[in-house]
Protein backbone atom coordinates (compact mmCIF):
# COMPACT_ATOMS: atom_id res chain seq x y z
CA MET A 1 10.09 8.29 -8.85
CA TRP A 2 7.59 8.82 -6.05
CA PRO A 3 6.67 12.38 -5.13
CA ARG A 4 8.36 13.93 -2.11
CA MET A 5 6.95 16.33 0.45
CA ASP A 6 9.02 17.99 3.18
CA GLY A 7 11.86 15.59 2.35
CA LEU A 8 9.72 12.47 2.87
CA ARG A 9 8.37 10.05 0.29
CA VAL A 10 4.65 10.35 -0.37
CA LEU A 11 2.20 7.49 0.17
CA GLU A 12 -0.56 7.59 -2.46
CA LEU A 13 -2.91 4.66 -1.91
CA GLY A 14 -4.74 3.02 -4.80
CA THR A 15 -5.74 4.94 -7.89
CA PRO A 16 -6.96 8.55 -7.82
CA GLY A 17 -10.64 9.09 -7.11
CA ARG A 18 -13.01 6.94 -5.11
CA VAL A 19 -10.47 4.18 -4.37
CA ARG A 20 -7.80 6.54 -3.01
CA THR A 21 -10.37 8.38 -0.89
CA LEU A 22 -11.67 5.12 0.58
CA LEU A 23 -8.19 3.77 1.37
CA THR A 24 -6.96 7.03 2.86
CA ASP A 25 -10.07 7.24 5.06
CA LEU A 26 -9.42 3.68 6.26
CA VAL A 27 -5.89 4.67 7.32
CA LEU A 28 -7.15 7.78 9.11
CA SER A 29 -9.77 5.71 10.94
CA GLY A 30 -7.13 3.22 12.09
CA LYS A 31 -8.69 0.28 10.22
CA LYS A 32 -5.99 0.07 7.55
CA ILE A 33 -2.49 -0.60 8.88
CA ALA A 34 -0.93 -2.25 5.83
CA THR A 35 -0.67 -1.92 2.07
CA ALA A 36 0.71 -4.02 -0.76
CA GLY A 37 2.78 -3.18 -3.81
CA VAL A 38 4.30 -5.11 -6.70
CA LEU A 39 8.09 -4.98 -6.51
CA ALA A 40 8.57 -4.71 -10.29
CA LEU A 41 5.77 -2.19 -10.86
CA ASP A 42 5.74 0.05 -7.81
CA TYR A 43 9.43 0.06 -6.91
CA GLU A 44 11.79 -1.10 -9.66
CA ALA A 45 9.93 0.68 -12.47
CA GLU A 46 9.75 3.82 -10.32
CA GLY A 47 13.43 3.68 -9.29
CA GLU A 48 12.41 3.47 -5.63
CA GLU A 49 13.77 1.44 -2.74
CA VAL A 50 11.47 -0.67 -0.61
CA GLU A 51 10.36 1.07 2.57
CA ARG A 52 12.37 0.37 5.70
CA VAL A 53 11.22 -0.02 9.30
CA GLY A 54 11.15 3.38 10.99
CA GLU A 55 10.79 5.32 7.74
CA ARG A 56 8.08 7.99 7.74
CA LEU A 57 5.91 8.67 4.69
CA VAL A 58 3.52 11.54 4.03
CA LEU A 59 -0.02 10.26 3.51
CA VAL A 60 -1.92 12.28 0.93
CA ASP A 61 -5.56 12.44 -0.07
CA ASP A 62 -7.07 12.36 -3.53
CA THR A 63 -6.13 16.00 -4.17
CA GLY A 64 -2.49 15.40 -3.21
CA GLY A 65 -2.96 17.25 0.06
CA ARG A 66 -1.13 16.10 3.16
CA VAL A 67 -3.48 14.40 5.64
CA GLY A 68 -0.94 12.76 7.93
CA GLU A 69 2.22 10.73 8.30
CA VAL A 70 2.69 7.02 8.71
CA GLU A 71 5.67 5.20 10.18
CA ILE A 72 6.70 1.88 8.68
CA THR A 73 6.66 -0.92 11.28
CA ARG A 74 7.26 -4.03 9.16
CA VAL A 75 8.14 -4.91 5.57
CA GLU A 76 8.08 -8.33 3.90
CA LEU A 77 8.77 -9.34 0.30
CA THR A 78 6.81 -12.45 -0.55
CA PRO A 79 5.46 -14.30 -3.58
CA PHE A 80 1.85 -13.37 -4.39
CA ALA A 81 0.69 -16.92 -3.57
CA SER A 82 2.28 -16.68 -0.10
CA VAL A 83 0.68 -13.44 1.10
CA THR A 84 -0.87 -14.29 4.46
CA TRP A 85 -4.36 -13.87 5.84
CA GLU A 86 -2.79 -11.81 8.66
CA PHE A 87 -1.64 -9.30 6.06
CA ALA A 88 -4.96 -9.29 4.18
CA VAL A 89 -6.79 -8.46 7.43
CA ALA A 90 -4.28 -5.69 8.23
CA GLU A 91 -5.14 -4.02 4.93
CA GLY A 92 -8.48 -3.24 6.58
CA GLU A 93 -10.60 -3.51 3.45
CA GLY A 94 -12.98 -6.21 4.64
CA TYR A 95 -11.77 -9.20 2.66
CA GLN A 96 -13.76 -12.38 3.32
CA SER A 97 -10.85 -14.77 2.68
CA ILE A 98 -7.31 -14.85 1.35
CA ASP A 99 -8.77 -15.90 -2.01
CA ASP A 100 -10.94 -12.77 -1.96
CA TRP A 101 -7.79 -10.69 -1.26
CA ARG A 102 -5.94 -12.37 -4.13
CA GLU A 103 -8.76 -11.94 -6.64
CA THR A 104 -9.29 -8.28 -5.70
CA HIS A 105 -5.57 -7.53 -6.04
CA ARG A 106 -5.23 -9.44 -9.32
CA ARG A 107 -8.08 -7.32 -10.75
CA TYR A 108 -6.61 -4.09 -9.38
CA TRP A 109 -3.14 -4.69 -10.80
CA ALA A 110 -4.55 -5.93 -14.13
CA GLY A 111 -6.58 -2.71 -14.26
CA VAL A 112 -3.38 -0.67 -14.06
CA GLY A 113 -1.78 -2.81 -16.78
CA HIS A 114 0.21 -5.31 -14.74
CA GLU A 115 -0.62 -9.01 -14.59
CA VAL A 116 0.50 -10.87 -11.47
CA ASP A 117 1.03 -14.59 -11.06
CA ASP A 118 1.72 -16.74 -8.02
CA ALA A 119 5.47 -16.00 -8.17
CA THR A 120 5.17 -12.20 -8.51
CA THR A 121 7.04 -10.52 -5.65
CA ILE A 122 4.69 -8.49 -3.45
CA VAL A 123 5.93 -5.89 -0.99
CA CYS A 124 3.81 -6.15 2.15
CA VAL A 125 4.15 -2.98 4.20
CA TRP A 126 2.74 -2.48 7.70
CA PHE A 127 2.55 0.98 9.24
CA ARG A 128 1.08 3.01 12.05
CA LEU A 129 -0.54 6.38 11.69
CA GLY A 130 1.59 9.08 13.21
CA ARG A 131 0.44 12.65 13.29
CA ARG A 132 -2.54 13.81 11.31
CA SER A 133 -2.34 17.02 9.34
């Protein structure tokens, strides 16, 4: 189950440390307006529902401190091989191509113990930064 804060689900990006700090900073700067999760790993295994349009999440930093809120604007479930370039750009991490996005995400998920293949269901979540804390 995902942590909750003030009755809202918490958005913890990436893994703790340098990666989470970088991703959180990208959201706060407005460059990152989307994030991806693996349906089986990040939702089903956690007993969580997929985000819904209009839902607000608390964005936390590497220490677990509240730094803002995001509002979900779009959600798509898609096979890994069908994730679009539009989505990769919205993640704001400077990918050079959709292949670069795929390779980076394969490595990330493998690093947390989950192999993905072309059919793995990815949850593509777009959001906008609401208030900053």
